[in-house]
Amino acid sequence: MPSKGTARLKEIFKMLDECAPGHEKKQADHYWHIKYNGKHYKDFPKGEHGSKNPEIQIGHIRKLIRHFNIEDCARKFLPILQN
């Protein structure tokens, strides 16, 4: 069954600050490029056009935290991941 829900981009970046110290993020045309611990995640969405703090769907968030292997830490910062 697919997961439902969203989290704000600022909350996700705050979680990355705590769970992926030293990560780097760079805004590209349509996605964020995020690097951490020798891994590069190139497809994290920027969100709705023109939004300063867009909502990001949980599937994208889960894929990101699995890629960086920070699931346990991320659950502490994003309640939406508790399901």
PDB file of N, CA and C in Angstrom:
ATOM      1  N   MET A   1       0.845  -1.167   0.000  1.00  0.00           N
ATOM      2  CA  MET A   1       0.000   0.000   0.000  1.00  0.00           C
ATOM      3  C   MET A   1       0.899   1.241   0.000  1.00  0.00           C
ATOM      4  N   PRO A   2       0.643   2.207  -0.859  1.00  0.00           N
ATOM      5  CA  PRO A   2       1.485   3.396  -0.929  1.00  0.00           C
ATOM      6  C   PRO A   2       1.306   4.282   0.298  1.00  0.00           C
ATOM      7  N   SER A   3       2.365   4.966   0.633  1.00  0.00           N
ATOM      8  CA  SER A   3       2.330   5.907   1.750  1.00  0.00           C
ATOM      9  C   SER A   3       1.703   7.213   1.297  1.00  0.00           C
ATOM     10  N   LYS A   4       1.093   7.899   2.235  1.00  0.00           N
ATOM     11  CA  LYS A   4       0.482   9.188   1.932  1.00  0.00           C
ATOM     12  C   LYS A   4       1.053  10.230   2.873  1.00  0.00           C
ATOM     13  N   GLY A   5       1.088  11.447   2.394  1.00  0.00           N
ATOM     14  CA  GLY A   5       1.497  12.546   3.245  1.00  0.00           C
ATOM     15  C   GLY A   5       2.614  13.356   2.625  1.00  0.00           C
ATOM     16  N   THR A   6       2.877  14.473   3.277  1.00  0.00           N
ATOM     17  CA  THR A   6       3.916  15.382   2.822  1.00  0.00           C
ATOM     18  C   THR A   6       4.644  15.971   4.031  1.00  0.00           C
ATOM     19  N   ALA A   7       5.788  16.556   3.748  1.00  0.00           N
ATOM     20  CA  ALA A   7       6.532  17.326   4.748  1.00  0.00           C
ATOM     21  C   ALA A   7       7.075  18.559   4.050  1.00  0.00           C
ATOM     22  N   ARG A   8       7.236  19.614   4.792  1.00  0.00           N
ATOM     23  CA  ARG A   8       7.752  20.865   4.245  1.00  0.00           C
ATOM     24  C   ARG A   8       9.260  20.738   3.999  1.00  0.00           C
ATOM     25  N   LEU A   9       9.715  21.383   2.940  1.00  0.00           N
ATOM     26  CA  LEU A   9      11.115  21.315   2.550  1.00  0.00           C
ATOM     27  C   LEU A   9      12.038  21.783   3.679  1.00  0.00           C
ATOM     28  N   LYS A  10      11.659  22.827   4.397  1.00  0.00           N
ATOM     29  CA  LYS A  10      12.493  23.315   5.499  1.00  0.00           C
ATOM     30  C   LYS A  10      12.650  22.260   6.591  1.00  0.00           C
ATOM     31  N   GLU A  11      11.595  21.490   6.856  1.00  0.00           N
ATOM     32  CA  GLU A  11      11.686  20.419   7.848  1.00  0.00           C
ATOM     33  C   GLU A  11      12.650  19.332   7.380  1.00  0.00           C
ATOM     34  N   ILE A  12      12.607  19.033   6.097  1.00  0.00           N
ATOM     35  CA  ILE A  12      13.486  18.004   5.532  1.00  0.00           C
ATOM     36  C   ILE A  12      14.939  18.459   5.607  1.00  0.00           C
ATOM     37  N   PHE A  13      15.196  19.709   5.273  1.00  0.00           N
ATOM     38  CA  PHE A  13      16.567  20.220   5.340  1.00  0.00           C
ATOM     39  C   PHE A  13      17.064  20.287   6.794  1.00  0.00           C
ATOM     40  N   LYS A  14      16.171  20.589   7.724  1.00  0.00           N
ATOM     41  CA  LYS A  14      16.541  20.595   9.142  1.00  0.00           C
ATOM     42  C   LYS A  14      16.916  19.176   9.591  1.00  0.00           C
ATOM     43  N   MET A  15      16.147  18.188   9.133  1.00  0.00           N
ATOM     44  CA  MET A  15      16.453  16.797   9.443  1.00  0.00           C
ATOM     45  C   MET A  15      17.816  16.423   8.868  1.00  0.00           C
ATOM     46  N   LEU A  16      18.103  16.841   7.638  1.00  0.00           N
ATOM     47  CA  LEU A  16      19.398  16.528   7.027  1.00  0.00           C
ATOM     48  C   LEU A  16      20.543  17.168   7.815  1.00  0.00           C
ATOM     49  N   ASP A  17      20.341  18.367   8.330  1.00  0.00           N
ATOM     50  CA  ASP A  17      21.376  19.020   9.142  1.00  0.00           C
ATOM     51  C   ASP A  17      21.756  18.158  10.338  1.00  0.00           C
ATOM     52  N   GLU A  18      20.772  17.509  10.939  1.00  0.00           N
ATOM     53  CA  GLU A  18      21.018  16.676  12.118  1.00  0.00           C
ATOM     54  C   GLU A  18      21.462  15.255  11.772  1.00  0.00           C
ATOM     55  N   CYS A  19      20.848  14.679  10.757  1.00  0.00           N
ATOM     56  CA  CYS A  19      21.071  13.261  10.456  1.00  0.00           C
ATOM     57  C   CYS A  19      22.164  13.015   9.423  1.00  0.00           C
ATOM     58  N   ALA A  20      22.500  14.027   8.658  1.00  0.00           N
ATOM     59  CA  ALA A  20      23.531  13.897   7.623  1.00  0.00           C
ATOM     60  C   ALA A  20      24.488  15.087   7.739  1.00  0.00           C
ATOM     61  N   PRO A  21      25.220  15.168   8.875  1.00  0.00           N
ATOM     62  CA  PRO A  21      26.102  16.320   9.067  1.00  0.00           C
ATOM     63  C   PRO A  21      27.151  16.398   7.963  1.00  0.00           C
ATOM     64  N   GLY A  22      27.369  17.596   7.470  1.00  0.00           N
ATOM     65  CA  GLY A  22      28.346  17.797   6.409  1.00  0.00           C
ATOM     66  C   GLY A  22      27.792  17.590   5.014  1.00  0.00           C
ATOM     67  N   HIS A  23      26.497  17.333   4.908  1.00  0.00           N
ATOM     68  CA  HIS A  23      25.909  17.153   3.579  1.00  0.00           C
ATOM     69  C   HIS A  23      25.992  18.461   2.790  1.00  0.00           C
ATOM     70  N   GLU A  24      25.935  18.330   1.491  1.00  0.00           N
ATOM     71  CA  GLU A  24      25.931  19.499   0.612  1.00  0.00           C
ATOM     72  C   GLU A  24      24.687  19.436  -0.251  1.00  0.00           C
ATOM     73  N   LYS A  25      24.066  20.585  -0.461  1.00  0.00           N
ATOM     74  CA  LYS A  25      22.906  20.621  -1.349  1.00  0.00           C
ATOM     75  C   LYS A  25      23.077  21.770  -2.329  1.00  0.00           C
ATOM     76  N   LYS A  26      22.654  21.507  -3.551  1.00  0.00           N
ATOM     77  CA  LYS A  26      22.756  22.508  -4.606  1.00  0.00           C
ATOM     78  C   LYS A  26      21.458  22.482  -5.398  1.00  0.00           C
ATOM     79  N   GLN A  27      20.911  23.649  -5.627  1.00  0.00           N
ATOM     80  CA  GLN A  27      19.665  23.753  -6.367  1.00  0.00           C
ATOM     81  C   GLN A  27      19.964  23.739  -7.860  1.00  0.00           C
ATOM     82  N   ALA A  28      19.334  22.826  -8.585  1.00  0.00           N
ATOM     83  CA  ALA A  28      19.439  22.751 -10.038  1.00  0.00           C
ATOM     84  C   ALA A  28      18.133  23.275 -10.636  1.00  0.00           C
ATOM     85  N   ASP A  29      17.964  23.127 -11.934  1.00  0.00           N
ATOM     86  CA  ASP A  29      16.768  23.658 -12.598  1.00  0.00           C
ATOM     87  C   ASP A  29      15.468  23.088 -12.037  1.00  0.00           C
ATOM     88  N   HIS A  30      15.394  21.775 -11.882  1.00  0.00           N
ATOM     89  CA  HIS A  30      14.140  21.145 -11.474  1.00  0.00           C
ATOM     90  C   HIS A  30      14.255  20.317 -10.205  1.00  0.00           C
ATOM     91  N   TYR A  31      15.466  20.088  -9.734  1.00  0.00           N
ATOM     92  CA  TYR A  31      15.689  19.225  -8.577  1.00  0.00           C
ATOM     93  C   TYR A  31      16.769  19.803  -7.678  1.00  0.00           C
ATOM     94  N   TRP A  32      16.849  19.256  -6.470  1.00  0.00           N
ATOM     95  CA  TRP A  32      17.976  19.504  -5.580  1.00  0.00           C
ATOM     96  C   TRP A  32      18.976  18.379  -5.783  1.00  0.00           C
ATOM     97  N   HIS A  33      20.242  18.696  -5.794  1.00  0.00           N
ATOM     98  CA  HIS A  33      21.311  17.710  -5.812  1.00  0.00           C
ATOM     99  C   HIS A  33      21.887  17.705  -4.398  1.00  0.00           C
ATOM    100  N   ILE A  34      21.863  16.554  -3.760  1.00  0.00           N
ATOM    101  CA  ILE A  34      22.311  16.453  -2.372  1.00  0.00           C
ATOM    102  C   ILE A  34      23.415  15.405  -2.299  1.00  0.00           C
ATOM    103  N   LYS A  35      24.531  15.770  -1.659  1.00  0.00           N
ATOM    104  CA  LYS A  35      25.667  14.866  -1.485  1.00  0.00           C
ATOM    105  C   LYS A  35      25.895  14.639  -0.004  1.00  0.00           C
ATOM    106  N   TYR A  36      26.181  13.372   0.325  1.00  0.00           N
ATOM    107  CA  TYR A  36      26.489  13.038   1.714  1.00  0.00           C
ATOM    108  C   TYR A  36      27.250  11.728   1.755  1.00  0.00           C
ATOM    109  N   ASN A  37      28.331  11.725   2.484  1.00  0.00           N
ATOM    110  CA  ASN A  37      29.079  10.504   2.763  1.00  0.00           C
ATOM    111  C   ASN A  37      29.474   9.745   1.491  1.00  0.00           C
ATOM    112  N   GLY A  38      29.880  10.471   0.475  1.00  0.00           N
ATOM    113  CA  GLY A  38      30.327   9.858  -0.768  1.00  0.00           C
ATOM    114  C   GLY A  38      29.214   9.463  -1.723  1.00  0.00           C
ATOM    115  N   LYS A  39      27.975   9.732  -1.355  1.00  0.00           N
ATOM    116  CA  LYS A  39      26.837   9.406  -2.215  1.00  0.00           C
ATOM    117  C   LYS A  39      26.222  10.689  -2.755  1.00  0.00           C
ATOM    118  N   HIS A  40      25.616  10.595  -3.936  1.00  0.00           N
ATOM    119  CA  HIS A  40      25.028  11.763  -4.593  1.00  0.00           C
ATOM    120  C   HIS A  40      23.588  11.428  -4.973  1.00  0.00           C
ATOM    121  N   TYR A  41      22.646  12.200  -4.460  1.00  0.00           N
ATOM    122  CA  TYR A  41      21.228  12.035  -4.788  1.00  0.00           C
ATOM    123  C   TYR A  41      20.818  13.216  -5.647  1.00  0.00           C
ATOM    124  N   LYS A  42      20.505  12.963  -6.897  1.00  0.00           N
ATOM    125  CA  LYS A  42      20.301  14.031  -7.881  1.00  0.00           C
ATOM    126  C   LYS A  42      18.850  14.402  -8.149  1.00  0.00           C
ATOM    127  N   ASP A  43      17.900  13.659  -7.637  1.00  0.00           N
ATOM    128  CA  ASP A  43      16.514  13.833  -8.058  1.00  0.00           C
ATOM    129  C   ASP A  43      15.555  14.264  -6.948  1.00  0.00           C
ATOM    130  N   PHE A  44      16.003  14.995  -5.951  1.00  0.00           N
ATOM    131  CA  PHE A  44      15.083  15.426  -4.906  1.00  0.00           C
ATOM    132  C   PHE A  44      14.314  16.647  -5.397  1.00  0.00           C
ATOM    133  N   PRO A  45      12.993  16.582  -5.440  1.00  0.00           N
ATOM    134  CA  PRO A  45      12.191  17.640  -6.068  1.00  0.00           C
ATOM    135  C   PRO A  45      12.282  18.980  -5.347  1.00  0.00           C
ATOM    136  N   LYS A  46      12.173  20.035  -6.127  1.00  0.00           N
ATOM    137  CA  LYS A  46      12.165  21.392  -5.586  1.00  0.00           C
ATOM    138  C   LYS A  46      10.795  21.774  -5.061  1.00  0.00           C
ATOM    139  N   GLY A  47       9.779  21.079  -5.480  1.00  0.00           N
ATOM    140  CA  GLY A  47       8.432  21.379  -5.023  1.00  0.00           C
ATOM    141  C   GLY A  47       7.698  22.256  -6.005  1.00  0.00           C
ATOM    142  N   GLU A  48       6.555  22.711  -5.574  1.00  0.00           N
ATOM    143  CA  GLU A  48       5.662  23.513  -6.400  1.00  0.00           C
ATOM    144  C   GLU A  48       6.341  24.805  -6.845  1.00  0.00           C
ATOM    145  N   HIS A  49       6.151  25.153  -8.084  1.00  0.00           N
ATOM    146  CA  HIS A  49       6.771  26.346  -8.662  1.00  0.00           C
ATOM    147  C   HIS A  49       6.394  27.600  -7.881  1.00  0.00           C
ATOM    148  N   GLY A  50       7.399  28.363  -7.493  1.00  0.00           N
ATOM    149  CA  GLY A  50       7.164  29.623  -6.815  1.00  0.00           C
ATOM    150  C   GLY A  50       6.998  29.530  -5.314  1.00  0.00           C
ATOM    151  N   SER A  51       6.974  28.341  -4.767  1.00  0.00           N
ATOM    152  CA  SER A  51       6.788  28.173  -3.330  1.00  0.00           C
ATOM    153  C   SER A  51       8.124  28.304  -2.593  1.00  0.00           C
ATOM    154  N   LYS A  52       8.119  29.020  -1.488  1.00  0.00           N
ATOM    155  CA  LYS A  52       9.332  29.198  -0.685  1.00  0.00           C
ATOM    156  C   LYS A  52       9.590  27.993   0.218  1.00  0.00           C
ATOM    157  N   ASN A  53       8.536  27.327   0.649  1.00  0.00           N
ATOM    158  CA  ASN A  53       8.660  26.171   1.537  1.00  0.00           C
ATOM    159  C   ASN A  53       7.651  25.107   1.090  1.00  0.00           C
ATOM    160  N   PRO A  54       7.897  24.481  -0.059  1.00  0.00           N
ATOM    161  CA  PRO A  54       6.907  23.559  -0.633  1.00  0.00           C
ATOM    162  C   PRO A  54       6.761  22.271   0.167  1.00  0.00           C
ATOM    163  N   GLU A  55       5.639  21.623  -0.059  1.00  0.00           N
ATOM    164  CA  GLU A  55       5.409  20.303   0.513  1.00  0.00           C
ATOM    165  C   GLU A  55       6.002  19.266  -0.430  1.00  0.00           C
ATOM    166  N   ILE A  56       6.705  18.301   0.146  1.00  0.00           N
ATOM    167  CA  ILE A  56       7.334  17.232  -0.620  1.00  0.00           C
ATOM    168  C   ILE A  56       6.657  15.925  -0.236  1.00  0.00           C
ATOM    169  N   GLN A  57       6.317  15.127  -1.217  1.00  0.00           N
ATOM    170  CA  GLN A  57       5.622  13.864  -0.969  1.00  0.00           C
ATOM    171  C   GLN A  57       6.536  12.874  -0.252  1.00  0.00           C
ATOM    172  N   ILE A  58       5.921  12.078   0.604  1.00  0.00           N
ATOM    173  CA  ILE A  58       6.663  11.168   1.467  1.00  0.00           C
ATOM    174  C   ILE A  58       7.503  10.146   0.684  1.00  0.00           C
ATOM    175  N   GLY A  59       7.056   9.751  -0.477  1.00  0.00           N
ATOM    176  CA  GLY A  59       7.824   8.783  -1.262  1.00  0.00           C
ATOM    177  C   GLY A  59       9.201   9.308  -1.620  1.00  0.00           C
ATOM    178  N   HIS A  60       9.295  10.580  -1.964  1.00  0.00           N
ATOM    179  CA  HIS A  60      10.591  11.189  -2.276  1.00  0.00           C
ATOM    180  C   HIS A  60      11.471  11.249  -1.026  1.00  0.00           C
ATOM    181  N   ILE A  61      10.853  11.540   0.103  1.00  0.00           N
ATOM    182  CA  ILE A  61      11.600  11.636   1.358  1.00  0.00           C
ATOM    183  C   ILE A  61      12.152  10.271   1.743  1.00  0.00           C
ATOM    184  N   ARG A  62      11.321   9.254   1.672  1.00  0.00           N
ATOM    185  CA  ARG A  62      11.760   7.898   2.016  1.00  0.00           C
ATOM    186  C   ARG A  62      12.916   7.437   1.117  1.00  0.00           C
ATOM    187  N   LYS A  63      12.808   7.730  -0.161  1.00  0.00           N
ATOM    188  CA  LYS A  63      13.861   7.338  -1.101  1.00  0.00           C
ATOM    189  C   LYS A  63      15.183   8.023  -0.739  1.00  0.00           C
ATOM    190  N   LEU A  64      15.128   9.298  -0.380  1.00  0.00           N
ATOM    191  CA  LEU A  64      16.318  10.050   0.004  1.00  0.00           C
ATOM    192  C   LEU A  64      16.968   9.458   1.261  1.00  0.00           C
ATOM    193  N   ILE A  65      16.186   9.217   2.293  1.00  0.00           N
ATOM    194  CA  ILE A  65      16.776   8.740   3.545  1.00  0.00           C
ATOM    195  C   ILE A  65      17.284   7.308   3.415  1.00  0.00           C
ATOM    196  N   ARG A  66      16.655   6.500   2.576  1.00  0.00           N
ATOM    197  CA  ARG A  66      17.188   5.155   2.324  1.00  0.00           C
ATOM    198  C   ARG A  66      18.515   5.234   1.581  1.00  0.00           C
ATOM    199  N   HIS A  67      18.599   6.131   0.609  1.00  0.00           N
ATOM    200  CA  HIS A  67      19.822   6.283  -0.175  1.00  0.00           C
ATOM    201  C   HIS A  67      21.010   6.647   0.722  1.00  0.00           C
ATOM    202  N   PHE A  68      20.767   7.511   1.698  1.00  0.00           N
ATOM    203  CA  PHE A  68      21.840   7.941   2.602  1.00  0.00           C
ATOM    204  C   PHE A  68      21.932   7.080   3.869  1.00  0.00           C
ATOM    205  N   ASN A  69      21.040   6.113   4.006  1.00  0.00           N
ATOM    206  CA  ASN A  69      21.041   5.189   5.151  1.00  0.00           C
ATOM    207  C   ASN A  69      20.931   5.946   6.483  1.00  0.00           C
ATOM    208  N   ILE A  70      19.937   6.826   6.576  1.00  0.00           N
ATOM    209  CA  ILE A  70      19.725   7.616   7.791  1.00  0.00           C
ATOM    210  C   ILE A  70      18.295   7.450   8.311  1.00  0.00           C
ATOM    211  N   GLU A  71      17.703   6.291   8.080  1.00  0.00           N
ATOM    212  CA  GLU A  71      16.300   6.069   8.427  1.00  0.00           C
ATOM    213  C   GLU A  71      16.010   6.264   9.911  1.00  0.00           C
ATOM    214  N   ASP A  72      16.825   5.670  10.781  1.00  0.00           N
ATOM    215  CA  ASP A  72      16.553   5.733  12.219  1.00  0.00           C
ATOM    216  C   ASP A  72      16.573   7.169  12.729  1.00  0.00           C
ATOM    217  N   CYS A  73      17.558   7.916  12.317  1.00  0.00           N
ATOM    218  CA  CYS A  73      17.658   9.314  12.741  1.00  0.00           C
ATOM    219  C   CYS A  73      16.507  10.141  12.161  1.00  0.00           C
ATOM    220  N   ALA A  74      16.197   9.947  10.902  1.00  0.00           N
ATOM    221  CA  ALA A  74      15.171  10.743  10.235  1.00  0.00           C
ATOM    222  C   ALA A  74      13.807  10.578  10.898  1.00  0.00           C
ATOM    223  N   ARG A  75      13.514   9.394  11.418  1.00  0.00           N
ATOM    224  CA  ARG A  75      12.229   9.161  12.087  1.00  0.00           C
ATOM    225  C   ARG A  75      12.053  10.049  13.316  1.00  0.00           C
ATOM    226  N   LYS A  76      13.157  10.423  13.948  1.00  0.00           N
ATOM    227  CA  LYS A  76      13.095  11.278  15.131  1.00  0.00           C
ATOM    228  C   LYS A  76      12.692  12.705  14.773  1.00  0.00           C
ATOM    229  N   PHE A  77      12.976  13.130  13.548  1.00  0.00           N
ATOM    230  CA  PHE A  77      12.750  14.516  13.150  1.00  0.00           C
ATOM    231  C   PHE A  77      11.518  14.715  12.277  1.00  0.00           C
ATOM    232  N   LEU A  78      11.078  13.671  11.596  1.00  0.00           N
ATOM    233  CA  LEU A  78       9.913  13.791  10.712  1.00  0.00           C
ATOM    234  C   LEU A  78       8.833  12.805  11.171  1.00  0.00           C
ATOM    235  N   PRO A  79       7.859  13.276  11.911  1.00  0.00           N
ATOM    236  CA  PRO A  79       6.811  12.388  12.423  1.00  0.00           C
ATOM    237  C   PRO A  79       6.074  11.614  11.331  1.00  0.00           C
ATOM    238  N   ILE A  80       6.019  12.158  10.139  1.00  0.00           N
ATOM    239  CA  ILE A  80       5.315  11.490   9.041  1.00  0.00           C
ATOM    240  C   ILE A  80       5.931  10.128   8.710  1.00  0.00           C
ATOM    241  N   LEU A  81       7.180   9.922   9.084  1.00  0.00           N
ATOM    242  CA  LEU A  81       7.878   8.662   8.784  1.00  0.00           C
ATOM    243  C   LEU A  81       7.546   7.567   9.782  1.00  0.00           C
ATOM    244  N   GLN A  82       6.780   7.872  10.812  1.00  0.00           N
ATOM    245  CA  GLN A  82       6.435   6.882  11.833  1.00  0.00           C
ATOM    246  C   GLN A  82       5.512   5.789  11.312  1.00  0.00           C
ATOM    247  N   ASN A  83       4.805   6.054  10.239  1.00  0.00           N
ATOM    248  CA  ASN A  83       3.839   5.073   9.708  1.00  0.00           C
ATOM    249  C   ASN A  83       4.540   3.969   8.967  1.00  0.00           C
TER     250      ASN A  83
END
